[in-house]
Amino acid sequence: MNKVEIIKSEVEKFPEPFLDEVLDFVHFLKGKIISGKMATAFASESSLKKDWLRPEEDEAWQNL
């Protein structure tokens, strides 16, 4: 049994009133994933802009 199947099996055993909390937690974890990806993108921007903001780059992309 893989982890997804184990989680499904466990969640099916929860009483109905707790399912809202389980769903809230799943949404919280998804938000953490998205936040982590955005943080990485923002951190990369300062490094990459050194290359992006060069005249050679502007010239290379000028015809698109």
N, C-alpha and C. Protein backbone atom coordinates (compact mmCIF):
# COMPACT_ATOMS: atom_id res chain seq x y z
N MET A 1 0.85 -1.18 0.00
CA MET A 1 0.00 0.00 0.00
C MET A 1 0.90 1.25 0.00
N ASN A 2 0.68 2.16 -0.96
CA ASN A 2 1.50 3.38 -1.00
C ASN A 2 0.94 4.44 -0.03
N LYS A 3 1.66 5.52 0.12
CA LYS A 3 1.28 6.54 1.10
C LYS A 3 -0.08 7.16 0.81
N VAL A 4 -0.37 7.39 -0.44
CA VAL A 4 -1.67 7.99 -0.80
C VAL A 4 -2.81 7.05 -0.38
N GLU A 5 -2.63 5.78 -0.64
CA GLU A 5 -3.67 4.82 -0.26
C GLU A 5 -3.82 4.73 1.26
N ILE A 6 -2.71 4.80 1.98
CA ILE A 6 -2.75 4.77 3.45
C ILE A 6 -3.48 6.00 3.97
N ILE A 7 -3.16 7.17 3.41
CA ILE A 7 -3.82 8.40 3.84
C ILE A 7 -5.32 8.32 3.56
N LYS A 8 -5.68 7.88 2.38
CA LYS A 8 -7.11 7.74 2.05
C LYS A 8 -7.80 6.81 3.03
N SER A 9 -7.16 5.69 3.31
CA SER A 9 -7.74 4.72 4.24
C SER A 9 -7.93 5.31 5.62
N GLU A 10 -6.95 6.07 6.08
CA GLU A 10 -7.05 6.69 7.41
C GLU A 10 -8.12 7.76 7.44
N VAL A 11 -8.19 8.58 6.40
CA VAL A 11 -9.17 9.67 6.37
C VAL A 11 -10.59 9.11 6.35
N GLU A 12 -10.78 8.01 5.67
CA GLU A 12 -12.11 7.40 5.60
C GLU A 12 -12.61 6.98 6.98
N LYS A 13 -11.71 6.78 7.93
CA LYS A 13 -12.08 6.35 9.28
C LYS A 13 -12.44 7.52 10.20
N PHE A 14 -12.15 8.76 9.76
CA PHE A 14 -12.40 9.92 10.60
C PHE A 14 -13.89 10.19 10.70
N PRO A 15 -14.33 10.64 11.87
CA PRO A 15 -15.73 11.07 11.98
C PRO A 15 -15.96 12.35 11.16
N GLU A 16 -17.14 12.49 10.65
CA GLU A 16 -17.49 13.61 9.76
C GLU A 16 -17.08 14.98 10.32
N PRO A 17 -17.30 15.28 11.59
CA PRO A 17 -16.94 16.62 12.08
C PRO A 17 -15.45 16.96 11.94
N PHE A 18 -14.60 15.97 11.90
CA PHE A 18 -13.16 16.23 11.80
C PHE A 18 -12.68 16.42 10.36
N LEU A 19 -13.51 16.08 9.41
CA LEU A 19 -13.09 16.15 8.00
C LEU A 19 -12.83 17.59 7.56
N ASP A 20 -13.55 18.56 8.12
CA ASP A 20 -13.28 19.96 7.79
C ASP A 20 -11.86 20.34 8.22
N GLU A 21 -11.45 19.86 9.39
CA GLU A 21 -10.10 20.15 9.86
C GLU A 21 -9.04 19.47 9.00
N VAL A 22 -9.32 18.25 8.58
CA VAL A 22 -8.40 17.55 7.69
C VAL A 22 -8.25 18.31 6.38
N LEU A 23 -9.36 18.76 5.84
CA LEU A 23 -9.33 19.52 4.59
C LEU A 23 -8.58 20.84 4.77
N ASP A 24 -8.81 21.51 5.89
CA ASP A 24 -8.07 22.75 6.17
C ASP A 24 -6.57 22.48 6.20
N PHE A 25 -6.17 21.38 6.80
CA PHE A 25 -4.75 21.05 6.88
C PHE A 25 -4.17 20.76 5.50
N VAL A 26 -4.93 20.06 4.67
CA VAL A 26 -4.47 19.79 3.30
C VAL A 26 -4.27 21.10 2.55
N HIS A 27 -5.21 22.03 2.71
CA HIS A 27 -5.08 23.34 2.05
C HIS A 27 -3.88 24.11 2.60
N PHE A 28 -3.64 24.01 3.90
CA PHE A 28 -2.49 24.66 4.51
C PHE A 28 -1.20 24.12 3.90
N LEU A 29 -1.10 22.80 3.76
CA LEU A 29 0.11 22.20 3.18
C LEU A 29 0.29 22.61 1.72
N LYS A 30 -0.78 22.68 0.96
CA LYS A 30 -0.68 23.13 -0.43
C LYS A 30 -0.18 24.57 -0.49
N GLY A 31 -0.65 25.40 0.44
CA GLY A 31 -0.20 26.78 0.50
C GLY A 31 1.29 26.88 0.80
N LYS A 32 1.78 26.00 1.67
CA LYS A 32 3.21 25.99 1.98
C LYS A 32 4.03 25.64 0.75
N ILE A 33 3.55 24.71 -0.05
CA ILE A 33 4.25 24.32 -1.28
C ILE A 33 4.32 25.51 -2.23
N ILE A 34 3.19 26.18 -2.41
CA ILE A 34 3.15 27.33 -3.31
C ILE A 34 4.04 28.45 -2.80
N SER A 35 3.99 28.71 -1.50
CA SER A 35 4.83 29.76 -0.91
C SER A 35 6.31 29.46 -1.10
N GLY A 36 6.68 28.20 -0.93
CA GLY A 36 8.08 27.81 -1.11
C GLY A 36 8.56 28.01 -2.53
N LYS A 37 7.69 27.68 -3.48
CA LYS A 37 8.05 27.88 -4.89
C LYS A 37 8.18 29.36 -5.22
N MET A 38 7.29 30.18 -4.65
CA MET A 38 7.36 31.61 -4.91
C MET A 38 8.61 32.21 -4.27
N ALA A 39 8.96 31.75 -3.08
CA ALA A 39 10.16 32.26 -2.41
C ALA A 39 11.40 31.95 -3.23
N THR A 40 11.44 30.75 -3.80
CA THR A 40 12.56 30.37 -4.65
C THR A 40 12.62 31.24 -5.89
N ALA A 41 11.46 31.49 -6.49
CA ALA A 41 11.42 32.33 -7.69
C ALA A 41 11.90 33.74 -7.38
N PHE A 42 11.45 34.31 -6.26
CA PHE A 42 11.88 35.66 -5.90
C PHE A 42 13.37 35.71 -5.57
N ALA A 43 13.87 34.67 -4.91
CA ALA A 43 15.29 34.63 -4.57
C ALA A 43 16.14 34.52 -5.83
N SER A 44 15.66 33.78 -6.81
CA SER A 44 16.40 33.61 -8.06
C SER A 44 16.43 34.89 -8.89
N GLU A 45 15.39 35.68 -8.76
CA GLU A 45 15.27 36.88 -9.59
C GLU A 45 16.46 37.81 -9.44
N SER A 46 16.93 38.04 -8.23
CA SER A 46 18.04 38.97 -8.04
C SER A 46 19.31 38.47 -8.70
N SER A 47 19.51 37.16 -8.69
CA SER A 47 20.69 36.60 -9.36
C SER A 47 20.57 36.65 -10.87
N LEU A 48 19.38 36.31 -11.35
CA LEU A 48 19.19 36.23 -12.79
C LEU A 48 19.09 37.59 -13.46
N LYS A 49 18.63 38.60 -12.73
CA LYS A 49 18.46 39.90 -13.38
C LYS A 49 19.78 40.50 -13.84
N LYS A 50 20.89 40.03 -13.26
CA LYS A 50 22.20 40.50 -13.73
C LYS A 50 22.39 40.16 -15.20
N ASP A 51 21.91 38.98 -15.58
CA ASP A 51 21.99 38.58 -16.98
C ASP A 51 20.86 39.18 -17.82
N TRP A 52 19.68 39.28 -17.23
CA TRP A 52 18.53 39.78 -17.97
C TRP A 52 18.68 41.24 -18.37
N LEU A 53 19.30 42.02 -17.53
CA LEU A 53 19.34 43.47 -17.75
C LEU A 53 20.60 43.93 -18.48
N ARG A 54 21.07 43.12 -19.38
CA ARG A 54 22.25 43.48 -20.18
C ARG A 54 21.80 43.87 -21.58
N PRO A 55 22.50 44.77 -22.22
CA PRO A 55 22.15 45.17 -23.59
C PRO A 55 22.13 43.98 -24.56
N GLU A 56 23.03 43.03 -24.35
CA GLU A 56 23.08 41.86 -25.24
C GLU A 56 21.76 41.07 -25.17
N GLU A 57 21.17 40.98 -23.99
CA GLU A 57 19.92 40.28 -23.82
C GLU A 57 18.80 41.04 -24.54
N ASP A 58 18.77 42.34 -24.37
CA ASP A 58 17.74 43.14 -25.05
C ASP A 58 17.83 42.96 -26.56
N GLU A 59 19.04 42.95 -27.06
CA GLU A 59 19.23 42.78 -28.50
C GLU A 59 18.80 41.39 -28.96
N ALA A 60 19.10 40.39 -28.19
CA ALA A 60 18.73 39.01 -28.56
C ALA A 60 17.22 38.82 -28.62
N TRP A 61 16.47 39.51 -27.79
CA TRP A 61 15.03 39.34 -27.71
C TRP A 61 14.25 40.39 -28.50
N GLN A 62 14.92 41.29 -29.09
CA GLN A 62 14.30 42.42 -29.76
C GLN A 62 13.34 42.02 -30.87
N ASN A 63 13.60 40.94 -31.59
CA ASN A 63 12.79 40.56 -32.74
C ASN A 63 11.61 39.64 -32.40
N LEU A 64 11.40 39.39 -31.14
CA LEU A 64 10.30 38.50 -30.77
C LEU A 64 9.04 39.24 -30.43
